[in-house]
Protein backbone atom coordinates (compact mmCIF):
# COMPACT_ATOMS: atom_id res chain seq x y z
CA UNK A 1 -31.68 -194.32 25.69
CA UNK A 2 -29.07 -193.05 27.96
CA UNK A 3 -26.37 -191.14 26.30
CA UNK A 4 -22.92 -193.36 26.07
CA UNK A 5 -20.44 -192.66 28.47
CA UNK A 6 -17.25 -190.45 27.97
CA UNK A 7 -14.30 -192.08 26.39
CA UNK A 8 -11.61 -192.48 28.87
CA UNK A 9 -9.21 -189.86 27.37
CA UNK A 10 -11.98 -187.27 27.84
CA UNK A 11 -13.13 -188.49 31.14
CA UNK A 12 -9.44 -188.14 32.43
CA UNK A 13 -9.28 -184.62 30.98
CA UNK A 14 -12.44 -183.67 32.76
CA UNK A 15 -11.51 -185.15 36.23
CA UNK A 16 -7.97 -183.52 35.88
CA UNK A 17 -9.63 -180.08 35.66
CA UNK A 18 -12.18 -180.58 38.17
CA UNK A 19 -9.67 -181.93 40.74
CA UNK A 20 -8.33 -178.43 40.96
CA UNK A 21 -11.24 -177.42 43.03
CA UNK A 22 -12.10 -180.59 44.76
CA UNK A 23 -10.74 -179.64 48.07
CA UNK A 24 -13.17 -176.98 48.75
CA UNK A 25 -16.99 -177.20 49.11
CA UNK A 26 -18.97 -176.67 46.02
CA UNK A 27 -20.66 -173.46 45.86
CA UNK A 28 -24.40 -172.79 45.74
CA UNK A 29 -25.57 -173.03 41.88
CA UNK A 30 -24.43 -169.94 40.04
CA UNK A 31 -26.86 -168.35 37.61
CA UNK A 32 -25.92 -170.60 34.60
CA UNK A 33 -26.08 -173.67 36.63
CA UNK A 34 -29.73 -172.49 37.63
CA UNK A 35 -30.29 -171.89 33.82
CA UNK A 36 -29.32 -175.30 33.17
CA UNK A 37 -31.39 -176.87 35.99
CA UNK A 38 -34.47 -175.17 34.65
CA UNK A 39 -33.84 -176.01 31.10
CA UNK A 40 -33.48 -179.64 31.98
CA UNK A 41 -36.62 -179.61 34.13
CA UNK A 42 -38.71 -179.23 30.75
CA UNK A 43 -39.13 -183.03 30.61
CA UNK A 44 -42.50 -182.73 29.03
CA UNK A 45 -41.34 -181.14 25.79
CA UNK A 46 -37.83 -182.55 24.67
CA UNK A 47 -37.44 -180.25 21.83
CA UNK A 48 -37.57 -177.13 24.17
CA UNK A 49 -35.53 -178.88 26.91
CA UNK A 50 -32.69 -179.71 24.36
CA UNK A 51 -32.77 -176.27 22.76
CA UNK A 52 -32.54 -174.65 26.16
CA UNK A 53 -29.87 -176.82 27.33
CA UNK A 54 -27.88 -176.27 24.23
CA UNK A 55 -28.21 -172.48 24.68
CA UNK A 56 -26.85 -172.78 28.14
CA UNK A 57 -23.89 -174.69 27.04
CA UNK A 58 -23.09 -171.99 24.65
CA UNK A 59 -23.08 -169.79 27.70
CA UNK A 60 -20.60 -171.80 29.52
CA UNK A 61 -18.40 -171.82 26.63
CA UNK A 62 -18.77 -168.25 26.32
CA UNK A 63 -17.43 -167.55 30.05
CA UNK A 64 -14.83 -170.07 29.72
CA UNK A 65 -16.36 -172.92 31.72
CA UNK A 66 -15.51 -175.73 29.34
CA UNK A 67 -15.41 -178.57 31.75
CA UNK A 68 -18.91 -177.73 32.72
CA UNK A 69 -19.90 -177.20 29.19
CA UNK A 70 -18.83 -180.60 28.33
CA UNK A 71 -20.69 -182.23 31.37
CA UNK A 72 -23.62 -180.19 30.44
CA UNK A 73 -23.43 -181.38 26.86
CA UNK A 74 -23.42 -184.96 27.66
CA UNK A 75 -26.78 -184.40 29.32
CA UNK A 76 -28.67 -183.38 26.10
CA UNK A 77 -30.82 -186.17 24.75
CA UNK A 78 -31.28 -185.28 21.02
CA UNK A 79 -28.92 -184.21 18.08
CA UNK A 80 -28.05 -181.05 19.89
CA UNK A 81 -25.78 -183.03 22.08
CA UNK A 82 -23.46 -183.66 19.16
CA UNK A 83 -23.96 -180.10 17.96
CA UNK A 84 -22.94 -178.84 21.59
CA UNK A 85 -19.76 -181.00 21.45
CA UNK A 86 -18.85 -179.47 17.96
CA UNK A 87 -19.42 -176.01 19.51
CA UNK A 88 -17.15 -176.84 22.54
CA UNK A 89 -14.41 -178.02 20.05
CA UNK A 90 -14.95 -174.65 18.23
CA UNK A 91 -14.61 -172.58 21.34
CA UNK A 92 -11.51 -174.42 22.51
CA UNK A 93 -9.90 -174.20 18.97
CA UNK A 94 -10.38 -170.38 18.84
CA UNK A 95 -8.76 -169.88 22.20
CA UNK A 96 -5.95 -172.17 21.01
CA UNK A 97 -6.65 -174.82 23.61
CA UNK A 98 -5.20 -178.18 22.79
CA UNK A 99 -8.24 -179.84 24.31
CA UNK A 100 -9.88 -178.80 20.99
CA UNK A 101 -8.67 -182.05 19.35
CA UNK A 102 -10.43 -184.17 22.01
CA UNK A 103 -13.66 -182.38 21.71
CA UNK A 104 -13.36 -182.62 17.88
CA UNK A 105 -12.74 -186.40 18.17
CA UNK A 106 -15.73 -186.79 20.54
CA UNK A 107 -18.06 -184.94 18.02
CA UNK A 108 -16.87 -187.43 15.24
CA UNK A 109 -17.44 -190.42 17.19
CA UNK A 110 -21.08 -189.33 17.87
CA UNK A 111 -21.91 -187.88 14.56
CA UNK A 112 -22.78 -191.17 12.59
CA UNK A 113 -25.58 -191.73 15.18
CA UNK A 114 -27.22 -188.58 14.11
CA UNK A 115 -30.36 -189.07 11.74
CA UNK A 116 -33.02 -186.85 10.25
CA UNK A 117 -33.45 -184.99 7.06
CA UNK A 118 -32.80 -181.64 8.74
CA UNK A 119 -31.24 -182.72 11.98
CA UNK A 120 -28.11 -184.25 10.31
CA UNK A 121 -27.23 -181.34 8.06
CA UNK A 122 -27.39 -179.03 11.08
CA UNK A 123 -25.10 -181.04 13.11
CA UNK A 124 -22.56 -181.35 9.80
CA UNK A 125 -22.70 -177.70 9.75
CA UNK A 126 -21.65 -177.35 13.55
CA UNK A 127 -18.93 -179.83 12.70
CA UNK A 128 -17.58 -177.93 9.74
CA UNK A 129 -17.62 -174.83 11.90
CA UNK A 130 -15.34 -176.49 14.30
CA UNK A 131 -13.00 -177.98 11.74
CA UNK A 132 -12.65 -174.57 10.21
CA UNK A 133 -11.85 -173.10 13.85
CA UNK A 134 -9.41 -175.87 14.19
CA UNK A 135 -7.61 -174.87 10.92
CA UNK A 136 -8.73 -178.00 9.15
CA UNK A 137 -10.03 -175.71 6.25
CA UNK A 138 -9.77 -178.40 3.54
CA UNK A 139 -11.88 -180.92 5.63
CA UNK A 140 -14.29 -178.10 6.25
CA UNK A 141 -14.86 -177.27 2.59
CA UNK A 142 -15.26 -180.87 1.88
CA UNK A 143 -18.52 -180.80 3.81
CA UNK A 144 -20.01 -177.99 1.75
CA UNK A 145 -21.39 -179.98 -1.17
CA UNK A 146 -23.66 -182.16 1.00
CA UNK A 147 -25.39 -179.25 2.88
CA UNK A 148 -28.19 -176.95 2.09
CA UNK A 149 -27.40 -173.28 1.44
CA UNK A 150 -28.62 -172.38 4.71
CA UNK A 151 -26.21 -174.63 6.72
CA UNK A 152 -23.45 -174.56 4.28
CA UNK A 153 -23.05 -170.56 4.92
CA UNK A 154 -22.41 -171.28 8.53
CA UNK A 155 -19.34 -173.25 7.52
CA UNK A 156 -18.25 -170.62 4.97
CA UNK A 157 -18.58 -168.02 7.74
CA UNK A 158 -16.31 -170.14 9.98
CA UNK A 159 -13.70 -170.28 7.12
CA UNK A 160 -13.73 -166.46 6.66
CA UNK A 161 -13.29 -165.84 10.24
CA UNK A 162 -10.29 -168.34 10.39
CA UNK A 163 -8.97 -166.85 7.27
CA UNK A 164 -9.10 -163.37 8.56
CA UNK A 165 -7.52 -164.33 11.86
CA UNK A 166 -4.60 -165.79 10.03
CA UNK A 167 -4.30 -162.70 7.80
CA UNK A 168 -5.24 -164.44 4.58
CA UNK A 169 -7.72 -161.68 3.47
CA UNK A 170 -7.79 -162.44 -0.24
CA UNK A 171 -8.77 -165.99 0.44
CA UNK A 172 -11.40 -164.74 2.88
CA UNK A 173 -12.93 -162.65 0.11
CA UNK A 174 -12.95 -165.57 -2.30
CA UNK A 175 -15.20 -167.52 0.14
CA UNK A 176 -17.55 -164.54 0.10
CA UNK A 177 -17.78 -163.54 -3.54
CA UNK A 178 -19.85 -166.25 -4.92
CA UNK A 179 -22.35 -165.76 -2.38
CA UNK A 180 -23.60 -162.01 -3.15
CA UNK A 181 -27.25 -161.44 -3.48
CA UNK A 182 -28.43 -164.94 -3.72
CA UNK A 183 -32.03 -163.83 -2.99
CA UNK A 184 -31.90 -166.37 -0.08
CA UNK A 185 -32.47 -164.12 3.06
CA UNK A 186 -30.53 -166.31 5.16
CA UNK A 187 -27.48 -166.71 2.72
CA UNK A 188 -27.65 -162.87 2.13
CA UNK A 189 -27.79 -161.91 5.76
CA UNK A 190 -24.55 -164.21 6.32
CA UNK A 191 -22.81 -162.61 3.56
CA UNK A 192 -23.35 -159.21 4.91
CA UNK A 193 -22.12 -160.69 8.18
CA UNK A 194 -18.95 -162.08 6.58
CA UNK A 195 -18.07 -158.74 5.24
CA UNK A 196 -18.38 -157.06 8.62
CA UNK A 197 -16.24 -159.56 9.91
CA UNK A 198 -13.65 -158.90 7.18
CA UNK A 199 -13.94 -155.23 7.18
CA UNK A 200 -11.19 -153.39 8.99
CA UNK A 201 -9.07 -156.52 9.65
CA UNK A 202 -6.68 -156.13 6.69
CA UNK A 203 -8.83 -155.57 3.87
CA UNK A 204 -7.59 -152.25 2.19
CA UNK A 205 -10.07 -149.60 1.57
CA UNK A 206 -13.09 -151.50 3.27
CA UNK A 207 -15.57 -148.54 2.66
CA UNK A 208 -16.55 -149.42 -0.93
CA UNK A 209 -17.21 -153.07 0.07
CA UNK A 210 -19.44 -151.78 3.12
CA UNK A 211 -21.36 -149.48 0.77
CA UNK A 212 -21.97 -152.57 -1.48
CA UNK A 213 -22.93 -154.63 1.57
CA UNK A 214 -25.40 -151.92 2.82
CA UNK A 215 -27.29 -152.37 -0.44
CA UNK A 216 -27.92 -155.80 0.25
CA UNK A 217 -28.53 -155.07 3.96
CA UNK A 218 -31.54 -153.12 3.44
CA UNK A 219 -33.15 -155.69 1.28
CA UNK A 220 -33.13 -158.29 4.09
CA UNK A 221 -36.01 -158.80 6.61
CA UNK A 222 -36.53 -156.06 9.12
CA UNK A 223 -35.49 -158.23 11.96
CA UNK A 224 -32.38 -159.40 10.45
CA UNK A 225 -31.45 -155.74 9.61
CA UNK A 226 -31.85 -154.90 13.03
CA UNK A 227 -29.62 -157.60 14.15
CA UNK A 228 -26.79 -156.42 11.89
CA UNK A 229 -27.38 -152.65 12.14
CA UNK A 230 -25.29 -151.88 15.04
CA UNK A 231 -22.16 -153.76 14.01
CA UNK A 232 -22.63 -152.42 10.38
CA UNK A 233 -22.91 -148.78 11.78
CA UNK A 234 -19.56 -149.04 13.75
CA UNK A 235 -17.77 -150.68 10.76
CA UNK A 236 -18.93 -147.60 8.68
CA UNK A 237 -17.76 -145.16 11.35
CA UNK A 238 -14.30 -147.08 11.56
CA UNK A 239 -13.92 -147.11 7.63
CA UNK A 240 -14.49 -143.15 7.86
CA UNK A 241 -18.35 -142.99 7.02
CA UNK A 242 -19.73 -141.77 10.43
CA UNK A 243 -22.63 -139.90 8.82
CA UNK A 244 -23.65 -143.25 7.04
CA UNK A 245 -23.42 -144.89 10.31
CA UNK A 246 -25.78 -142.39 12.07
CA UNK A 247 -28.15 -142.48 9.22
CA UNK A 248 -28.25 -146.26 9.34
CA UNK A 249 -29.03 -146.43 13.07
CA UNK A 250 -31.77 -143.82 12.63
CA UNK A 251 -33.38 -145.41 9.55
CA UNK A 252 -33.32 -149.00 11.21
CA UNK A 253 -34.75 -147.71 14.28
CA UNK A 254 -37.55 -146.02 12.35
CA UNK A 255 -38.16 -149.49 10.63
CA UNK A 256 -38.84 -150.98 14.09
CA UNK A 257 -41.28 -148.41 15.38
CA UNK A 258 -44.29 -150.39 14.33
CA UNK A 259 -42.98 -153.46 16.16
CA UNK A 260 -43.75 -154.98 19.43
CA UNK A 261 -41.83 -154.11 22.40
CA UNK A 262 -40.13 -157.43 22.30
CA UNK A 263 -38.57 -156.59 19.11
CA UNK A 264 -37.98 -152.69 19.55
CA UNK A 265 -36.32 -152.94 22.89
CA UNK A 266 -33.46 -155.14 21.77
CA UNK A 267 -32.79 -153.18 18.68
CA UNK A 268 -32.54 -149.92 20.61
CA UNK A 269 -30.24 -151.21 23.12
CA UNK A 270 -28.05 -152.70 20.52
CA UNK A 271 -28.25 -149.33 18.71
CA UNK A 272 -27.22 -147.56 21.73
CA UNK A 273 -24.12 -149.60 22.10
CA UNK A 274 -23.32 -148.56 18.55
CA UNK A 275 -23.85 -144.80 19.35
CA UNK A 276 -21.38 -145.17 22.08
CA UNK A 277 -18.87 -146.63 19.88
CA UNK A 278 -19.32 -143.81 17.40
CA UNK A 279 -18.75 -141.04 19.74
CA UNK A 280 -22.39 -140.18 20.54
CA UNK A 281 -22.77 -140.79 24.27
CA UNK A 282 -25.75 -138.79 24.88
CA UNK A 283 -27.69 -140.71 22.24
CA UNK A 284 -26.33 -143.83 23.66
CA UNK A 285 -27.98 -142.98 27.13
CA UNK A 286 -31.21 -141.86 25.58
CA UNK A 287 -31.60 -145.07 23.65
CA UNK A 288 -30.83 -147.15 26.41
CA UNK A 289 -33.56 -145.55 28.65
CA UNK A 290 -36.09 -146.14 25.94
CA UNK A 291 -35.04 -149.66 25.41
CA UNK A 292 -35.29 -150.22 29.38
CA UNK A 293 -38.69 -148.53 29.45
CA UNK A 294 -39.86 -150.58 26.51
CA UNK A 295 -38.71 -153.93 27.99
CA UNK A 296 -41.33 -153.50 30.90
CA UNK A 297 -44.08 -153.21 28.41
CA UNK A 298 -45.91 -155.25 25.82
CA UNK A 299 -46.72 -159.12 26.11
CA UNK A 300 -46.16 -160.26 29.70
CA UNK A 301 -44.98 -163.70 28.28
CA UNK A 302 -42.32 -161.90 26.48
CA UNK A 303 -41.23 -159.48 29.10
CA UNK A 304 -38.77 -161.62 31.05
CA UNK A 305 -36.73 -162.57 27.98
CA UNK A 306 -36.76 -159.02 26.79
CA UNK A 307 -35.59 -157.67 30.14
CA UNK A 308 -32.84 -160.30 30.05
CA UNK A 309 -31.58 -159.17 26.77
CA UNK A 310 -31.76 -155.30 27.51
CA UNK A 311 -30.34 -155.99 31.10
CA UNK A 312 -27.29 -157.78 29.53
CA UNK A 313 -26.34 -154.78 27.47
CA UNK A 314 -26.96 -152.37 29.97
CA UNK A 315 -24.34 -154.47 32.25
CA UNK A 316 -21.89 -154.00 29.42
CA UNK A 317 -22.44 -150.28 29.37
CA UNK A 318 -21.73 -150.06 33.19
CA UNK A 319 -25.36 -149.69 34.32
CA UNK A 320 -25.66 -152.55 36.71
CA UNK A 321 -28.41 -151.16 38.93
CA UNK A 322 -30.47 -150.23 35.99
CA UNK A 323 -29.97 -153.94 34.66
CA UNK A 324 -30.78 -155.43 37.97
CA UNK A 325 -33.97 -153.46 38.05
CA UNK A 326 -34.89 -155.07 34.73
CA UNK A 327 -33.87 -158.62 36.15
CA UNK A 328 -36.02 -158.19 39.16
CA UNK A 329 -38.87 -157.03 36.99
CA UNK A 330 -38.52 -160.07 34.74
CA UNK A 331 -38.50 -162.49 37.73
CA UNK A 332 -41.63 -161.05 39.20
CA UNK A 333 -43.36 -161.43 35.79
CA UNK A 334 -42.07 -165.09 35.38
CA UNK A 335 -42.89 -166.01 38.83
CA UNK A 336 -46.69 -165.08 38.09
CA UNK A 337 -47.11 -167.39 35.04
CA UNK A 338 -49.51 -170.14 35.80
CA UNK A 339 -48.04 -172.73 33.45
CA UNK A 340 -44.69 -174.30 34.44
CA UNK A 341 -43.14 -174.54 30.80
CA UNK A 342 -43.15 -170.65 30.02
CA UNK A 343 -42.23 -170.15 33.74
CA UNK A 344 -39.18 -172.26 33.36
CA UNK A 345 -38.18 -171.07 29.94
CA UNK A 346 -38.27 -167.44 31.39
CA UNK A 347 -36.12 -168.24 34.13
CA UNK A 348 -33.76 -169.87 31.75
CA UNK A 349 -33.54 -166.60 29.94
CA UNK A 350 -33.10 -164.42 32.87
CA UNK A 351 -30.44 -166.76 34.28
CA UNK A 352 -28.61 -167.14 31.13
CA UNK A 353 -28.31 -163.33 30.85
CA UNK A 354 -27.07 -163.08 34.43
CA UNK A 355 -24.59 -165.77 34.11
CA UNK A 356 -23.20 -164.95 30.66
CA UNK A 357 -22.58 -161.46 32.13
CA UNK A 358 -20.94 -162.96 35.04
CA UNK A 359 -23.09 -161.33 37.88
CA UNK A 360 -23.18 -162.95 41.17
CA UNK A 361 -26.63 -164.01 42.35
CA UNK A 362 -27.98 -161.99 45.26
CA UNK A 363 -29.15 -164.28 48.10
CA UNK A 364 -32.65 -163.28 47.69
CA UNK A 365 -32.49 -164.72 44.08
CA UNK A 366 -30.94 -167.85 45.14
CA UNK A 367 -33.53 -168.38 47.60
CA UNK A 368 -36.46 -167.56 45.19
CA UNK A 369 -35.16 -169.63 42.44
CA UNK A 370 -34.96 -172.58 44.53
CA UNK A 371 -38.71 -172.24 45.46
CA UNK A 372 -39.58 -171.76 41.92
CA UNK A 373 -37.61 -174.76 40.87
CA UNK A 374 -39.29 -176.96 43.21
CA UNK A 375 -42.77 -175.53 42.25
CA UNK A 376 -42.42 -176.87 38.56
CA UNK A 377 -45.10 -179.30 37.91
CA UNK A 378 -48.61 -179.28 36.36
CA UNK A 379 -50.08 -177.66 34.51
CA UNK A 380 -47.16 -177.45 32.17
């Protein structure tokens, strides 16, 4: 079934924004546009297609391309379409854009059509996050009883974020207190994430809270520890425990040593960012170099996505030339994949990273991407 058309008030909003640039010819597709084209080409697997499309919508939102994000969201054919509209409402609300109300209304018009034992709770959670971002805290809380713990925690984190932003720190703490040490790794990881969000933003004497949270952090699966360790280390440093921050980064890196390159490289480059933020630039440089070298090794099927992730953080560190070396390596590897599905997914990952970090595409990349796009086909 073709997605229903936009309501008139939203269509008018999109047209009014789009008309600002209508007098000039459209540019060649930028990196995120290419990412969405490759995602949409995955017609043989609607699950992969919708997931990749939704990820690109999130990237459009991250760089402030709200009009493009809404147009892209309406091309998604699964439940992720409604989730993408909710995410648009969230992004608009967090920047104080009055169009958040329209995006939230569109979400609520589409929500009744979502079915499925696990799909519907996921979309409701996205809706709850949007409500919290928009300041409708009571409506967001009202959704919690109908959600499983893994989805409810997403809404609670959004509530914490809004409460912290509003300076209501005691209420933020009350949202987190009942969730401590549930023995559910998803919830416990989110609890740690919530304390990281709250630490240093008005809660007095955050160090004891961080030390309590670290006890739970080290009980999480290694992958989740690695995702949180860099931000946790920075929070410890800012709270006055630089030695604890350093120890955490070293210990977590050691946990990752037996892992494959596709897990170690992203961890090391995140930790390098933390070293930089806690005043250890030499270690930051060393760990970035290790991450960049690792990204080129391991399973070739994983190399493009790994290169994309590491390159993005290299750009954030000002190492654009090194980043493009990784992008070029990833492109060469992806172009050699025999099957079109992994080739398209790899190109989505590369183009997403380039676009999210707002890098202009070199002319030779645009030419090569066009050829690779035209060459998608059997075998998938």
